[in-house]
C-alpha cells in the first residue's frame, strides 16, 4: 500500500490507495536480429529492445530489455531512466502544446486562461528572481511572531493550509470501516527526509545524507535573513535533532502497511486527554476542518510523544523548524539559488541525480500537482479517443472474467469466502481514461503575478476542497489521478480501479498500431490485472465489497492465504538487489502479489483473444512470447545505485528488474513460451512456486 497524494492535494499524507508505480522513442536500434522488423510503419519496439545473447531462462529482464539498456545511458538529469520517462516525453510534449496554445488563445475560457497564466508566471524568471522570498513574507512573519507552544500549533495549522505539512499528517478521506462516510485522519509526519530510516540508520551512506541535510537546513535558514554562519549551523543541528525525535516515534514503512493497527478512531476530546498541551480542536479548525468531533488517529503513540516535543522544545527551535520547511517546500517556485539548493539535497544527495530537468518540464510537473485536472480536460479531448477507451474497457472485463474463473477453481478457499470474493470482484468499479464529470476549478485564484503565490493558491484550494467533503456523502465518481498520469491505482474504500489514459501509452506508438500480445502484457497484466489483484492482496483483501475494513474471510482461508503469500515474501527476501542489500519481501509483498496476480490474469485474459487462438508470429515471436516481452516493456528501466539504495528502504515496490524476474518463475506459461529448463537461473521446481490464485 502506498500513501498517495491526489493531484494538487496540499497535505503530506492522504488516505492509502494501492498503486502501480511506473518511467519519443528511444532512438535505440540495438538488437541481435539481422533484419529490420516493422510493426505498422515503425520498427517493432519489442525486437528493438531485446538482447538475445542472454538466455530468457537466466535473466528475462535483460533478455527483453538489454539491447535498449546497453545503448541508453541514464541522462544527467535523471536518477533512473526507462519506460516512464520515454512515455513522459510524449506526455510532456502534449502538455507543453496545451500550455502554449492556452497562452496564445484569443478568447480563452476560464480553464485556458488559468493554464496560460500559470505557465506565464512560472516562466517569468526575471520577476521570480527579483521577488526573492517575498511571496513567503506573510508566512514567515507569522512564524517570527510565535511566542508560545500554542502559537506554534496555530501557525502550523496555517502552514498546513498552504501545503506545508509540518509536525504531522492529516486529511479527509473515506472512513476505512464505513466507506460511505468521510472522516478526518491524523497520521505521523513532519519529517524532511523520506522516512524514519534516514534519521536512524548508521551506515556510511545514510550518515552522509544526514550531514548533507544539516547543511541544507542551514542554507535555507540563512536565506531567511540570518547572517551568522556558525550560529546558523548550530540552529540547523537543533532542527535535525528535533526531526530525529519525530523519526524515533514514527512507525516503519512495513508497520504502516497494517490497516487495523493504523486505524484508531477516537473523539477529539479523547485525543485531547492524551495530548494535553496541544489544543486539537483549535488546530484542526485552523487547518479548515470545521465541526470535527471524531478523528481517526493512525499512530496514537506518535501524537502522545508529539505533545511532549511541542510542549518542551525551545520555541526558537520550533520556529526554525517551521521556517526551514516553509522555504524548502516552496524553494522550487522561488529563486534559482533556492531551487538549486533543494535539488542538490533531494536530487543529488538522496537520489543521485547529476542535473535538474529543464525548467519547462519542472513547471509542467508543478502544474500537474497544482491543477492537473484542468490540463486533463484538454488532454482527454485531444489524445484519448473513444476507440482506445473501448479497447481498454473491454480488456478490464476479460481480466475480470479470468479472475472469476480462477476464484471458482481454487481448491484451498472455502465456498463461503469464494462467494464473497466473487461478489467483491463483480462489484469492483472500473474508471478508464478520464472522468465523466470534471471538478469545478472556478474558485482557484491563478494569475500572472507570482509562481509561488499560484502554488499557494492551488494548495489552499485543494485543502478547502478536500475538507469540504467532511459531513457529505462520498462521491464515488471522483478521480484522484489526472488523465495524463502515467500510473494507476486501486482504491479499497471505493472498491474501484482507476486507469488514466496516460498509463496505456507506448512511447512513440499509436494505440491502434499495437498487437494484442504486446498490449495484453503491457496493459492487461502489468496494469489492469495488477490493480484488480490489489483488491485481494494482503492488504486489499481486508476490505469488503462495499469498501469497508471488515473481515470477510474464514480463519482457515486467512491461514491458507498467508501461507501461500509467505512463499512469495520469502522468495523476494532472498533477492540481493544492491551490494549486500536484499529486497524487503514483507514491505513489498502487496505489490509483488499484485504483479504475480496481474501476470496470471493477463495470461488468462489474453487466451480469450483471437490473436492468441490464431497463434501467428509477428517478427518471429509467437503471441505468448510477445505477451511476456510486452509485460517486460512495462518495466524497462535502469537506475543509479544511490536511487536504488533509497528505494530499497522507502518504496513498497520491488526494483524494476525484479518486477519481471521475481514473479515470472511462478507463471507456468512462461516456462512453455520460452522452453525454460532445470538448471537455468530462473527455473523453479513446481513444488517451490507460489500457488495462490
Foldseek 3Di string as FASTA:
>chain_A
DDFDDFFQALFPGDDDFFWQDFACPLPQQFAPDPDFFDQPNHGDPQRSQADCVDACLFFVLCRRHVRVVVVDDDDLADQKHAQRNLLVVVLLVVLVVLQVCLLVPPDHDPLSVQSVLLLLQLPPQVLQAVCFCVVCVVLLVQLVPDDALQSLLLSCLVVSLLRQHAQWTKFWAAQQAHLFAIAIEIEQDHAPDQALCLLPDDDPLSVVLLVLQLVLLLVLLVSVPDDDSVVSSVLSVLLSVLNNLSSVQHDALLVLLAVVLQWDKDFLVVLCVLQVQYNVQSSVVSNPQPPGGMYTYGRSSSRSVSSVSSNPPPSVSSSSSSSSSVCLVLQCFHHPVSVVSNCCNPVPSQSNRRDHDPSSVVSVVLCRSQPVQSSLVVCLVPPQDPVNQVVVVVLLVLLLVLVLVVLVPDPQADPQLSVQVNLLSVLAAEAEAAAPDGDDCPPQDHRNNGNSVSSSSSNSVSSNVRSVCHPPTDDLRDDSHGLLDLMWTQQLSQNYTYYHVSVQDRRPDDPVSDDPLLSLLQDQQSPSQLRNCLCVFPRNVCGGSNSHRHDSGDPSSVVVQVVLLVLLLVLQQPDCDADNDGARSSLQSSNLSSNLRSVSSSVSSSCPDPQQVVQDDRPPATSNRSSLSSNSSRLNMDRHPSNQVSCSRNPSHHRSSCSNLRNVLQHVVSCVRSVNDPPHNSHDPNVSHRDND
